[in-house]
Amino acid sequence: MTDARAIRDRYTAAFNAHDMHELLRTVSPTGVTVSPEGVSQGREELASYIGEFWEAFPDVRAVIVESYDAGDVTIDELLMVGTHQGPYTMPDGRIIPPTGRPLSLRGCYICTVENGLIESLRLYFDQLQLLTQLGHPTG
């Protein structure tokens, strides 16, 4: 196991435990997270983004399907599994009220670790798949 993998696995464990303090300890203060929903710079913005996601899907967890390592880079194919029980804010600011619908969203994380902390975390997923599962196929 590489150091990068160990850090990324700590991040995933903290995400699944909904432990923001531990999750942020894996991320550089200047770390950048990019997803289809936008960009967050630093720990505070990441905490806000994840906090909103946890509010929308309070039982969400990341199930790793495949993992690959290349030096300081980790790649994880995963499923985000949970239930839509809170408001979900779309990138354009519109809010989808809780639907009670299950979520099983396939995605991919590419993570770069430097000096023992995550510097770059890029999440890819199909937004249409997410919206369709929430009952909003046209966004």
N, C-alpha and C. Protein backbone atom coordinates (compact mmCIF):
# COMPACT_ATOMS: atom_id res chain seq x y z
N MET A 1 0.85 -1.18 0.00
CA MET A 1 0.00 0.00 0.00
C MET A 1 0.89 1.24 0.00
N THR A 2 0.57 2.19 -0.88
CA THR A 2 1.32 3.42 -0.93
C THR A 2 0.83 4.38 0.15
N ASP A 3 1.65 5.39 0.43
CA ASP A 3 1.22 6.43 1.37
C ASP A 3 -0.04 7.13 0.84
N ALA A 4 -0.07 7.37 -0.47
CA ALA A 4 -1.24 8.01 -1.07
C ALA A 4 -2.49 7.17 -0.83
N ARG A 5 -2.38 5.87 -0.99
CA ARG A 5 -3.53 4.98 -0.77
C ARG A 5 -3.97 5.03 0.68
N ALA A 6 -3.04 5.04 1.60
CA ALA A 6 -3.40 5.10 3.02
C ALA A 6 -4.17 6.38 3.34
N ILE A 7 -3.72 7.50 2.78
CA ILE A 7 -4.42 8.78 3.00
C ILE A 7 -5.81 8.73 2.38
N ARG A 8 -5.89 8.24 1.16
CA ARG A 8 -7.18 8.18 0.47
C ARG A 8 -8.15 7.25 1.20
N ASP A 9 -7.66 6.14 1.72
CA ASP A 9 -8.51 5.23 2.48
C ASP A 9 -8.99 5.88 3.78
N ARG A 10 -8.15 6.70 4.42
CA ARG A 10 -8.58 7.44 5.62
C ARG A 10 -9.70 8.41 5.26
N TYR A 11 -9.56 9.09 4.12
CA TYR A 11 -10.58 10.02 3.65
C TYR A 11 -11.91 9.28 3.46
N THR A 12 -11.86 8.14 2.76
CA THR A 12 -13.08 7.37 2.51
C THR A 12 -13.72 6.89 3.82
N ALA A 13 -12.91 6.41 4.74
CA ALA A 13 -13.43 5.95 6.03
C ALA A 13 -14.09 7.10 6.79
N ALA A 14 -13.47 8.28 6.76
CA ALA A 14 -14.05 9.44 7.44
C ALA A 14 -15.33 9.89 6.74
N PHE A 15 -15.35 9.85 5.41
CA PHE A 15 -16.57 10.18 4.66
C PHE A 15 -17.70 9.24 5.06
N ASN A 16 -17.42 7.96 5.10
CA ASN A 16 -18.45 6.98 5.43
C ASN A 16 -18.92 7.09 6.87
N ALA A 17 -18.04 7.53 7.76
CA ALA A 17 -18.41 7.72 9.17
C ALA A 17 -19.04 9.10 9.41
N HIS A 18 -19.08 9.92 8.37
CA HIS A 18 -19.56 11.30 8.47
C HIS A 18 -18.79 12.06 9.56
N ASP A 19 -17.47 11.84 9.58
CA ASP A 19 -16.57 12.47 10.53
C ASP A 19 -15.80 13.57 9.82
N MET A 20 -16.37 14.79 9.83
CA MET A 20 -15.77 15.89 9.09
C MET A 20 -14.39 16.24 9.62
N HIS A 21 -14.20 16.21 10.91
CA HIS A 21 -12.90 16.54 11.49
C HIS A 21 -11.81 15.63 10.94
N GLU A 22 -12.05 14.33 10.96
CA GLU A 22 -11.05 13.38 10.46
C GLU A 22 -10.88 13.50 8.95
N LEU A 23 -11.97 13.70 8.23
CA LEU A 23 -11.88 13.86 6.79
C LEU A 23 -10.98 15.04 6.43
N LEU A 24 -11.19 16.18 7.08
CA LEU A 24 -10.41 17.38 6.77
C LEU A 24 -8.94 17.23 7.16
N ARG A 25 -8.64 16.35 8.09
CA ARG A 25 -7.24 16.10 8.47
C ARG A 25 -6.46 15.41 7.35
N THR A 26 -7.17 14.86 6.35
CA THR A 26 -6.50 14.20 5.23
C THR A 26 -6.25 15.15 4.06
N VAL A 27 -6.80 16.36 4.13
CA VAL A 27 -6.77 17.30 3.01
C VAL A 27 -5.87 18.48 3.34
N SER A 28 -5.07 18.88 2.36
CA SER A 28 -4.21 20.05 2.50
C SER A 28 -5.06 21.31 2.70
N PRO A 29 -4.58 22.27 3.50
CA PRO A 29 -5.32 23.54 3.65
C PRO A 29 -5.55 24.25 2.32
N THR A 30 -4.71 23.96 1.32
CA THR A 30 -4.86 24.59 0.01
C THR A 30 -5.40 23.60 -1.03
N GLY A 31 -5.87 22.46 -0.58
CA GLY A 31 -6.35 21.42 -1.49
C GLY A 31 -7.51 21.88 -2.35
N VAL A 32 -7.59 21.34 -3.54
CA VAL A 32 -8.64 21.68 -4.50
C VAL A 32 -9.46 20.42 -4.78
N THR A 33 -10.78 20.58 -4.72
CA THR A 33 -11.69 19.49 -5.07
C THR A 33 -12.53 19.96 -6.26
N VAL A 34 -12.59 19.12 -7.28
CA VAL A 34 -13.35 19.43 -8.49
C VAL A 34 -14.38 18.33 -8.69
N SER A 35 -15.61 18.72 -8.95
CA SER A 35 -16.67 17.75 -9.25
C SER A 35 -17.58 18.37 -10.31
N PRO A 36 -18.51 17.60 -10.85
CA PRO A 36 -19.46 18.19 -11.79
C PRO A 36 -20.27 19.33 -11.18
N GLU A 37 -20.30 19.39 -9.87
CA GLU A 37 -21.09 20.42 -9.20
C GLU A 37 -20.30 21.70 -8.93
N GLY A 38 -18.97 21.66 -9.17
CA GLY A 38 -18.18 22.86 -8.96
C GLY A 38 -16.81 22.57 -8.38
N VAL A 39 -16.14 23.64 -7.99
CA VAL A 39 -14.78 23.58 -7.47
C VAL A 39 -14.80 24.11 -6.03
N SER A 40 -14.09 23.41 -5.15
CA SER A 40 -13.89 23.95 -3.80
C SER A 40 -12.39 24.07 -3.57
N GLN A 41 -12.00 25.18 -2.96
CA GLN A 41 -10.60 25.47 -2.67
C GLN A 41 -10.44 25.52 -1.16
N GLY A 42 -9.62 24.65 -0.62
CA GLY A 42 -9.36 24.65 0.81
C GLY A 42 -10.36 23.84 1.61
N ARG A 43 -10.04 23.71 2.87
CA ARG A 43 -10.83 22.85 3.76
C ARG A 43 -12.23 23.39 4.04
N GLU A 44 -12.36 24.72 4.22
CA GLU A 44 -13.67 25.26 4.57
C GLU A 44 -14.69 25.05 3.45
N GLU A 45 -14.28 25.29 2.21
CA GLU A 45 -15.20 25.10 1.10
C GLU A 45 -15.55 23.62 0.93
N LEU A 46 -14.56 22.74 1.10
CA LEU A 46 -14.82 21.31 1.00
C LEU A 46 -15.80 20.88 2.10
N ALA A 47 -15.59 21.38 3.32
CA ALA A 47 -16.49 21.03 4.43
C ALA A 47 -17.92 21.49 4.13
N SER A 48 -18.07 22.66 3.54
CA SER A 48 -19.39 23.16 3.20
C SER A 48 -20.06 22.26 2.16
N TYR A 49 -19.31 21.91 1.13
CA TYR A 49 -19.83 21.06 0.05
C TYR A 49 -20.25 19.69 0.59
N ILE A 50 -19.36 19.06 1.34
CA ILE A 50 -19.66 17.72 1.87
C ILE A 50 -20.79 17.80 2.89
N GLY A 51 -20.79 18.84 3.71
CA GLY A 51 -21.86 19.00 4.69
C GLY A 51 -23.23 19.08 4.03
N GLU A 52 -23.33 19.81 2.92
CA GLU A 52 -24.59 19.89 2.19
C GLU A 52 -24.97 18.53 1.61
N PHE A 53 -23.98 17.79 1.11
CA PHE A 53 -24.26 16.48 0.55
C PHE A 53 -24.74 15.53 1.64
N TRP A 54 -24.08 15.56 2.80
CA TRP A 54 -24.51 14.71 3.92
C TRP A 54 -25.91 15.09 4.40
N GLU A 55 -26.26 16.38 4.32
CA GLU A 55 -27.61 16.79 4.72
C GLU A 55 -28.64 16.22 3.74
N ALA A 56 -28.31 16.23 2.46
CA ALA A 56 -29.24 15.72 1.45
C ALA A 56 -29.34 14.19 1.50
N PHE A 57 -28.22 13.54 1.83
CA PHE A 57 -28.15 12.07 1.86
C PHE A 57 -27.50 11.65 3.18
N PRO A 58 -28.23 11.73 4.30
CA PRO A 58 -27.62 11.53 5.61
C PRO A 58 -27.09 10.12 5.88
N ASP A 59 -27.49 9.16 5.05
CA ASP A 59 -26.97 7.80 5.23
C ASP A 59 -25.99 7.42 4.13
N VAL A 60 -25.51 8.40 3.37
CA VAL A 60 -24.65 8.11 2.22
C VAL A 60 -23.32 7.49 2.65
N ARG A 61 -22.85 6.58 1.80
CA ARG A 61 -21.52 6.01 2.00
C ARG A 61 -20.94 5.72 0.63
N ALA A 62 -19.63 5.72 0.58
CA ALA A 62 -18.92 5.41 -0.66
C ALA A 62 -18.48 3.96 -0.61
N VAL A 63 -18.91 3.20 -1.59
CA VAL A 63 -18.52 1.79 -1.70
C VAL A 63 -17.50 1.70 -2.83
N ILE A 64 -16.27 1.36 -2.47
CA ILE A 64 -15.21 1.28 -3.46
C ILE A 64 -15.37 -0.01 -4.26
N VAL A 65 -15.40 0.12 -5.59
CA VAL A 65 -15.55 -1.01 -6.49
C VAL A 65 -14.17 -1.49 -6.96
N GLU A 66 -13.35 -0.58 -7.40
CA GLU A 66 -11.99 -0.88 -7.85
C GLU A 66 -11.07 0.24 -7.39
N SER A 67 -9.82 -0.09 -7.10
CA SER A 67 -8.82 0.90 -6.72
C SER A 67 -7.54 0.67 -7.49
N TYR A 68 -6.91 1.78 -7.87
CA TYR A 68 -5.64 1.72 -8.58
C TYR A 68 -4.72 2.79 -8.00
N ASP A 69 -3.43 2.49 -7.95
CA ASP A 69 -2.44 3.44 -7.44
C ASP A 69 -1.33 3.61 -8.45
N ALA A 70 -0.86 4.85 -8.57
CA ALA A 70 0.28 5.16 -9.43
C ALA A 70 1.10 6.24 -8.72
N GLY A 71 2.02 5.81 -7.87
CA GLY A 71 2.83 6.77 -7.12
C GLY A 71 1.97 7.56 -6.14
N ASP A 72 1.93 8.88 -6.33
CA ASP A 72 1.18 9.76 -5.44
C ASP A 72 -0.27 9.97 -5.90
N VAL A 73 -0.71 9.16 -6.86
CA VAL A 73 -2.06 9.30 -7.39
C VAL A 73 -2.84 8.02 -7.11
N THR A 74 -4.07 8.19 -6.62
CA THR A 74 -4.98 7.06 -6.44
C THR A 74 -6.19 7.27 -7.34
N ILE A 75 -6.73 6.17 -7.82
CA ILE A 75 -7.94 6.20 -8.64
C ILE A 75 -8.91 5.19 -8.04
N ASP A 76 -10.11 5.65 -7.76
CA ASP A 76 -11.13 4.78 -7.18
C ASP A 76 -12.41 4.86 -7.99
N GLU A 77 -12.88 3.71 -8.45
CA GLU A 77 -14.23 3.61 -8.98
C GLU A 77 -15.11 3.28 -7.79
N LEU A 78 -16.24 3.96 -7.68
CA LEU A 78 -17.07 3.78 -6.49
C LEU A 78 -18.54 3.92 -6.79
N LEU A 79 -19.31 3.52 -5.82
CA LEU A 79 -20.75 3.78 -5.81
C LEU A 79 -21.05 4.64 -4.59
N MET A 80 -21.79 5.72 -4.80
CA MET A 80 -22.33 6.50 -3.68
C MET A 80 -23.72 5.94 -3.43
N VAL A 81 -23.93 5.40 -2.25
CA VAL A 81 -25.17 4.73 -1.92
C VAL A 81 -25.80 5.44 -0.73
N GLY A 82 -27.07 5.79 -0.84
CA GLY A 82 -27.76 6.44 0.26
C GLY A 82 -29.21 6.68 -0.08
N THR A 83 -29.85 7.54 0.71
CA THR A 83 -31.26 7.87 0.54
C THR A 83 -31.41 9.38 0.57
N HIS A 84 -32.16 9.92 -0.36
CA HIS A 84 -32.37 11.37 -0.46
C HIS A 84 -33.38 11.80 0.61
N GLN A 85 -32.87 12.30 1.73
CA GLN A 85 -33.72 12.64 2.87
C GLN A 85 -33.65 14.11 3.26
N GLY A 86 -32.88 14.90 2.52
CA GLY A 86 -32.77 16.33 2.80
C GLY A 86 -32.71 17.11 1.50
N PRO A 87 -32.73 18.44 1.58
CA PRO A 87 -32.69 19.23 0.35
C PRO A 87 -31.36 19.05 -0.38
N TYR A 88 -31.45 18.88 -1.71
CA TYR A 88 -30.25 18.76 -2.53
C TYR A 88 -30.14 20.01 -3.40
N THR A 89 -29.06 20.74 -3.25
CA THR A 89 -28.85 21.96 -4.02
C THR A 89 -28.12 21.63 -5.31
N MET A 90 -28.74 21.98 -6.42
CA MET A 90 -28.14 21.74 -7.72
C MET A 90 -27.11 22.83 -8.01
N PRO A 91 -26.21 22.59 -8.98
CA PRO A 91 -25.18 23.59 -9.28
C PRO A 91 -25.73 24.97 -9.63
N ASP A 92 -26.94 25.03 -10.20
CA ASP A 92 -27.51 26.33 -10.56
C ASP A 92 -28.27 26.98 -9.40
N GLY A 93 -28.22 26.36 -8.21
CA GLY A 93 -28.86 26.93 -7.03
C GLY A 93 -30.26 26.43 -6.76
N ARG A 94 -30.88 25.76 -7.74
CA ARG A 94 -32.21 25.20 -7.49
C ARG A 94 -32.10 24.08 -6.46
N ILE A 95 -33.16 23.90 -5.70
CA ILE A 95 -33.15 22.91 -4.63
C ILE A 95 -34.19 21.83 -4.93
N ILE A 96 -33.75 20.58 -4.83
CA ILE A 96 -34.67 19.45 -4.95
C ILE A 96 -35.04 19.03 -3.53
N PRO A 97 -36.30 19.15 -3.15
CA PRO A 97 -36.70 18.74 -1.80
C PRO A 97 -36.54 17.23 -1.62
N PRO A 98 -36.47 16.78 -0.37
CA PRO A 98 -36.28 15.34 -0.11
C PRO A 98 -37.36 14.51 -0.81
N THR A 99 -36.91 13.41 -1.41
CA THR A 99 -37.83 12.52 -2.12
C THR A 99 -37.96 11.16 -1.45
N GLY A 100 -37.02 10.81 -0.58
CA GLY A 100 -37.01 9.48 0.01
C GLY A 100 -36.50 8.41 -0.94
N ARG A 101 -36.07 8.82 -2.12
CA ARG A 101 -35.60 7.87 -3.13
C ARG A 101 -34.19 7.38 -2.81
N PRO A 102 -33.91 6.13 -3.18
CA PRO A 102 -32.55 5.61 -2.98
C PRO A 102 -31.60 6.18 -4.03
N LEU A 103 -30.35 6.27 -3.65
CA LEU A 103 -29.28 6.72 -4.53
C LEU A 103 -28.26 5.60 -4.68
N SER A 104 -27.89 5.32 -5.92
CA SER A 104 -26.80 4.39 -6.22
C SER A 104 -26.08 4.98 -7.42
N LEU A 105 -25.13 5.85 -7.14
CA LEU A 105 -24.49 6.66 -8.16
C LEU A 105 -23.05 6.21 -8.37
N ARG A 106 -22.77 5.77 -9.58
CA ARG A 106 -21.41 5.34 -9.93
C ARG A 106 -20.56 6.57 -10.20
N GLY A 107 -19.32 6.54 -9.70
CA GLY A 107 -18.42 7.66 -9.91
C GLY A 107 -16.97 7.21 -9.89
N CYS A 108 -16.09 8.18 -10.07
CA CYS A 108 -14.66 7.92 -10.08
C CYS A 108 -13.95 9.09 -9.40
N TYR A 109 -13.07 8.78 -8.47
CA TYR A 109 -12.22 9.77 -7.80
C TYR A 109 -10.79 9.60 -8.31
N ILE A 110 -10.16 10.71 -8.64
CA ILE A 110 -8.72 10.74 -8.91
C ILE A 110 -8.13 11.68 -7.88
N CYS A 111 -7.21 11.17 -7.10
CA CYS A 111 -6.69 11.89 -5.94
C CYS A 111 -5.17 11.99 -6.04
N THR A 112 -4.64 13.19 -5.80
CA THR A 112 -3.20 13.40 -5.76
C THR A 112 -2.81 13.79 -4.34
N VAL A 113 -1.82 13.08 -3.80
CA VAL A 113 -1.35 13.32 -2.43
C VAL A 113 0.07 13.86 -2.49
N GLU A 114 0.32 14.92 -1.71
CA GLU A 114 1.65 15.48 -1.58
C GLU A 114 1.91 15.75 -0.11
N ASN A 115 3.08 15.37 0.36
CA ASN A 115 3.47 15.59 1.76
C ASN A 115 2.43 15.06 2.74
N GLY A 116 1.84 13.91 2.41
CA GLY A 116 0.92 13.26 3.33
C GLY A 116 -0.49 13.82 3.39
N LEU A 117 -0.82 14.74 2.46
CA LEU A 117 -2.16 15.33 2.44
C LEU A 117 -2.69 15.37 1.01
N ILE A 118 -4.00 15.32 0.89
CA ILE A 118 -4.64 15.38 -0.42
C ILE A 118 -4.54 16.82 -0.93
N GLU A 119 -3.91 16.97 -2.10
CA GLU A 119 -3.79 18.29 -2.75
C GLU A 119 -4.85 18.48 -3.82
N SER A 120 -5.23 17.39 -4.46
CA SER A 120 -6.20 17.47 -5.54
C SER A 120 -7.10 16.25 -5.47
N LEU A 121 -8.41 16.50 -5.52
CA LEU A 121 -9.39 15.43 -5.51
C LEU A 121 -10.41 15.75 -6.59
N ARG A 122 -10.45 14.92 -7.61
CA ARG A 122 -11.36 15.13 -8.73
C ARG A 122 -12.38 14.01 -8.76
N LEU A 123 -13.65 14.39 -8.68
CA LEU A 123 -14.76 13.44 -8.68
C LEU A 123 -15.52 13.59 -9.98
N TYR A 124 -15.74 12.45 -10.64
CA TYR A 124 -16.52 12.42 -11.87
C TYR A 124 -17.73 11.53 -11.64
N PHE A 125 -18.91 12.05 -12.02
CA PHE A 125 -20.13 11.24 -12.00
C PHE A 125 -21.11 11.83 -12.99
N ASP A 126 -22.10 11.06 -13.35
CA ASP A 126 -23.10 11.45 -14.33
C ASP A 126 -24.22 12.21 -13.61
N GLN A 127 -24.29 13.53 -13.85
CA GLN A 127 -25.31 14.33 -13.18
C GLN A 127 -26.72 13.92 -13.60
N LEU A 128 -26.89 13.53 -14.85
CA LEU A 128 -28.21 13.11 -15.31
C LEU A 128 -28.67 11.85 -14.57
N GLN A 129 -27.73 10.94 -14.32
CA GLN A 129 -28.07 9.74 -13.54
C GLN A 129 -28.54 10.13 -12.14
N LEU A 130 -27.84 11.06 -11.51
CA LEU A 130 -28.23 11.52 -10.18
C LEU A 130 -29.62 12.14 -10.21
N LEU A 131 -29.85 13.05 -11.14
CA LEU A 131 -31.15 13.73 -11.20
C LEU A 131 -32.28 12.77 -11.54
N THR A 132 -32.02 11.80 -12.40
CA THR A 132 -33.04 10.80 -12.74
C THR A 132 -33.40 9.98 -11.50
N GLN A 133 -32.40 9.61 -10.72
CA GLN A 133 -32.68 8.83 -9.51
C GLN A 133 -33.49 9.64 -8.50
N LEU A 134 -33.35 10.97 -8.54
CA LEU A 134 -34.11 11.82 -7.63
C LEU A 134 -35.48 12.20 -8.22
N GLY A 135 -35.78 11.70 -9.44
CA GLY A 135 -37.06 11.98 -10.06
C GLY A 135 -37.09 13.28 -10.82
N HIS A 136 -35.93 13.81 -11.18
CA HIS A 136 -35.83 15.06 -11.93
C HIS A 136 -34.96 14.85 -13.17
N PRO A 137 -35.45 14.07 -14.16
CA PRO A 137 -34.59 13.69 -15.30
C PRO A 137 -34.16 14.85 -16.17
N THR A 138 -34.88 15.96 -16.17
CA THR A 138 -34.49 17.08 -17.01
C THR A 138 -33.71 18.13 -16.26
N GLY A 139 -33.50 17.90 -14.94
CA GLY A 139 -32.77 18.90 -14.16
C GLY A 139 -33.67 20.01 -13.79
